[in-house]
Amino acid sequence: DLLVSKPNQGQQLDVLHGGFDKLLTRSLSEFSEWYQNTQQVVNKVLEQCACIMWVQYIAGSAKFPGVRIKGIEGRRKREMGKKSREAAKLDLRHWEQVNERRYALDLVRDAMSTELRVVRQDKYGWILHAESEWQCHLQQLVHERGIFPVIKSTLTEEPEWQLCPIEV
């Protein structure tokens, strides 16, 4: 009530909602930026409304202190409770999204890990196959009856004879 100017004619000036409540719900930098942009409006509300209402409030509170304080405090508690519930809902949704993203990333990581494992196994199989093939080709080339025969130079050993695949 103190920070809302409700003139009989003209526009209503409310510096509490979207203004001073930023002190409680947002960062100090956001509040500072808002205050710098609306300093004239704040001063106008304070001069026209808050000052007069504060004097009336002080005068009235001397007569009925409990009634006045309970009314203002009740409204403040309701507004802060509403803001707190909204913040809790946003926080809960944020953590739900974080968990959903973690789950999705785990699925992608597992799929990529499985695919990488298959590629490695396939690559290893091809390497073993290539080594085996090259060993066979090399054996055929350096066989004693091959293109590049390797002849043992020791005289004590007899040469090993083997029929070629055509003669078998």
Protein backbone atom coordinates (compact mmCIF):
# COMPACT_ATOMS: atom_id res chain seq x y z
CA ASP A 1 0.00 0.00 0.00
CA LEU A 2 2.84 2.39 0.76
CA LEU A 3 4.54 1.93 -2.59
CA VAL A 4 1.47 2.00 -4.83
CA SER A 5 -0.01 5.37 -5.78
CA LYS A 6 -3.70 5.17 -6.73
CA PRO A 7 -4.76 8.68 -7.73
CA ASN A 8 -8.41 9.37 -8.41
CA GLN A 9 -7.58 10.44 -11.93
CA GLY A 10 -4.54 9.44 -13.95
CA GLN A 11 -2.43 6.35 -14.04
CA GLN A 12 -1.69 4.09 -11.10
CA LEU A 13 1.97 4.04 -10.09
CA ASP A 14 3.19 0.76 -8.60
CA VAL A 15 6.87 0.64 -7.60
CA LEU A 16 6.53 -2.45 -5.41
CA HIS A 17 5.64 -5.07 -8.04
CA GLY A 18 8.37 -5.25 -10.65
CA GLY A 19 10.48 -2.84 -8.64
CA PHE A 20 11.29 -3.04 -4.95
CA ASP A 21 10.34 -6.71 -4.86
CA LYS A 22 13.46 -7.31 -7.02
CA LEU A 23 15.45 -6.75 -3.84
CA LEU A 24 13.92 -9.93 -2.44
CA THR A 25 13.59 -12.10 -5.54
CA ARG A 26 16.39 -11.10 -7.90
CA SER A 27 19.94 -9.81 -7.87
CA LEU A 28 21.09 -6.43 -6.61
CA SER A 29 22.33 -5.47 -10.08
CA GLU A 30 18.85 -5.94 -11.57
CA PHE A 31 17.36 -3.80 -8.82
CA SER A 32 20.00 -1.08 -9.34
CA GLU A 33 19.32 -0.99 -13.06
CA TRP A 34 15.57 -0.76 -12.48
CA TYR A 35 16.01 1.99 -9.86
CA GLN A 36 18.21 4.09 -12.14
CA ASN A 37 15.65 3.84 -14.95
CA THR A 38 12.63 4.67 -12.75
CA GLN A 39 14.07 6.96 -10.12
CA GLN A 40 11.68 9.83 -10.96
CA VAL A 41 8.62 7.59 -10.69
CA VAL A 42 9.85 6.22 -7.34
CA ASN A 43 10.38 9.72 -5.99
CA LYS A 44 6.91 10.74 -7.16
CA VAL A 45 5.26 7.75 -5.47
CA LEU A 46 7.23 8.34 -2.28
CA GLU A 47 6.25 12.01 -2.21
CA GLN A 48 2.59 11.62 -3.18
CA CYS A 49 1.64 8.39 -1.53
CA ALA A 50 4.17 6.80 0.76
CA CYS A 51 4.88 9.90 2.81
CA ILE A 52 1.19 10.65 3.43
CA MET A 53 0.29 7.02 4.10
CA TRP A 54 3.23 6.58 6.43
CA VAL A 55 2.13 9.57 8.52
CA GLN A 56 -1.42 8.18 8.61
CA TYR A 57 -0.13 4.74 9.46
CA ILE A 58 1.96 6.03 12.37
CA ALA A 59 -0.94 8.06 13.67
CA GLY A 60 -3.33 5.12 13.32
CA SER A 61 -0.94 2.57 14.73
CA ALA A 62 -0.80 4.41 18.01
CA LYS A 63 -4.53 3.74 18.37
CA PHE A 64 -4.67 0.18 17.00
CA PRO A 65 -1.15 -1.22 16.62
CA GLY A 66 -2.05 -4.90 16.34
CA VAL A 67 -4.73 -4.49 13.67
CA ARG A 68 -2.61 -2.39 11.29
CA ILE A 69 0.50 -4.54 11.59
CA LYS A 70 -1.41 -7.79 11.11
CA GLY A 71 -2.98 -6.55 7.88
CA ILE A 72 0.27 -5.46 6.30
CA GLU A 73 2.13 -8.49 7.57
CA GLY A 74 -0.57 -10.84 6.27
CA ARG A 75 -0.34 -9.36 2.77
CA ARG A 76 3.45 -9.49 2.87
CA LYS A 77 3.40 -13.13 3.97
CA ARG A 78 0.96 -14.07 1.20
CA GLU A 79 3.02 -12.34 -1.46
CA MET A 80 6.28 -13.83 -0.22
CA GLY A 81 4.67 -17.27 0.04
CA LYS A 82 3.45 -16.99 -3.54
CA LYS A 83 6.89 -15.90 -4.74
CA SER A 84 8.50 -18.73 -2.78
CA ARG A 85 6.14 -21.33 -4.29
CA GLU A 86 6.80 -20.01 -7.79
CA ALA A 87 10.55 -20.14 -7.19
CA ALA A 88 10.26 -23.69 -5.84
CA LYS A 89 8.28 -24.76 -8.93
CA LEU A 90 10.88 -23.22 -11.23
CA ASP A 91 13.68 -24.86 -9.26
CA LEU A 92 11.94 -28.24 -9.40
CA ARG A 93 11.41 -27.92 -13.16
CA HIS A 94 15.06 -26.93 -13.60
CA TRP A 95 16.28 -30.06 -11.80
CA GLU A 96 13.83 -32.23 -13.75
CA GLN A 97 15.30 -30.85 -16.98
CA VAL A 98 18.85 -31.40 -15.71
CA ASN A 99 18.02 -35.03 -14.89
CA GLU A 100 16.33 -35.53 -18.28
CA ARG A 101 19.41 -34.17 -20.04
CA ARG A 102 21.72 -36.36 -17.97
CA TYR A 103 19.64 -39.41 -18.86
CA ALA A 104 19.68 -38.49 -22.57
CA LEU A 105 23.46 -37.94 -22.45
CA ASP A 106 23.91 -41.32 -20.74
CA LEU A 107 21.92 -42.98 -23.54
CA VAL A 108 24.00 -41.27 -26.21
CA ARG A 109 27.24 -42.12 -24.39
CA ASP A 110 26.23 -45.79 -24.06
CA ALA A 111 25.24 -45.99 -27.75
CA MET A 112 28.50 -44.40 -28.87
CA SER A 113 30.50 -46.63 -26.56
CA THR A 114 28.81 -49.72 -28.00
CA GLU A 115 29.40 -48.55 -31.56
CA LEU A 116 33.05 -47.75 -30.82
CA ARG A 117 33.50 -51.20 -29.27
CA VAL A 118 32.06 -52.82 -32.43
CA VAL A 119 34.35 -50.71 -34.65
CA ARG A 120 37.39 -51.67 -32.57
CA GLN A 121 36.50 -55.36 -32.70
CA ASP A 122 35.94 -55.13 -36.45
CA LYS A 123 39.24 -53.31 -36.92
CA TYR A 124 41.07 -55.87 -34.79
CA GLY A 125 39.51 -58.69 -36.87
CA TRP A 126 40.68 -57.06 -40.09
CA ILE A 127 44.18 -56.62 -38.67
CA LEU A 128 44.36 -60.31 -37.70
CA HIS A 129 43.04 -61.29 -41.12
CA ALA A 130 45.61 -59.07 -42.90
CA GLU A 131 48.47 -60.43 -40.79
CA SER A 132 47.41 -63.99 -41.58
CA GLU A 133 47.09 -63.27 -45.32
CA TRP A 134 50.45 -61.53 -45.50
CA GLN A 135 52.09 -64.34 -43.59
CA CYS A 136 50.70 -66.84 -46.12
CA HIS A 137 51.86 -64.72 -49.08
CA LEU A 138 55.30 -64.24 -47.54
CA GLN A 139 55.63 -67.97 -46.89
CA GLN A 140 54.81 -68.68 -50.55
CA LEU A 141 57.38 -66.13 -51.73
CA VAL A 142 60.28 -67.33 -49.56
CA HIS A 143 59.52 -71.03 -49.82
CA GLU A 144 62.47 -73.00 -51.20
CA ARG A 145 60.64 -73.38 -54.49
CA GLY A 146 59.14 -69.86 -54.39
CA ILE A 147 60.16 -66.66 -56.22
CA PHE A 148 62.59 -65.59 -53.48
CA PRO A 149 63.72 -68.88 -51.93
CA VAL A 150 65.48 -68.79 -48.62
CA ILE A 151 68.08 -71.55 -48.65
CA LYS A 152 69.66 -72.65 -45.43
CA SER A 153 73.41 -72.47 -45.67
CA THR A 154 74.21 -75.19 -43.21
CA LEU A 155 75.39 -78.43 -44.78
CA THR A 156 74.45 -80.68 -41.89
CA GLU A 157 70.78 -80.15 -42.39
CA GLU A 158 69.01 -81.69 -45.28
CA PRO A 159 66.74 -79.45 -47.29
CA GLU A 160 63.09 -79.74 -46.52
CA TRP A 161 61.16 -80.81 -49.55
CA GLN A 162 57.54 -80.14 -50.04
CA LEU A 163 55.27 -80.64 -52.95
CA CYS A 164 53.71 -77.52 -54.42
CA PRO A 165 49.92 -77.30 -54.31
CA ILE A 166 49.70 -78.28 -58.00
CA GLU A 167 51.65 -81.53 -57.44
CA VAL A 168 49.58 -82.68 -54.52
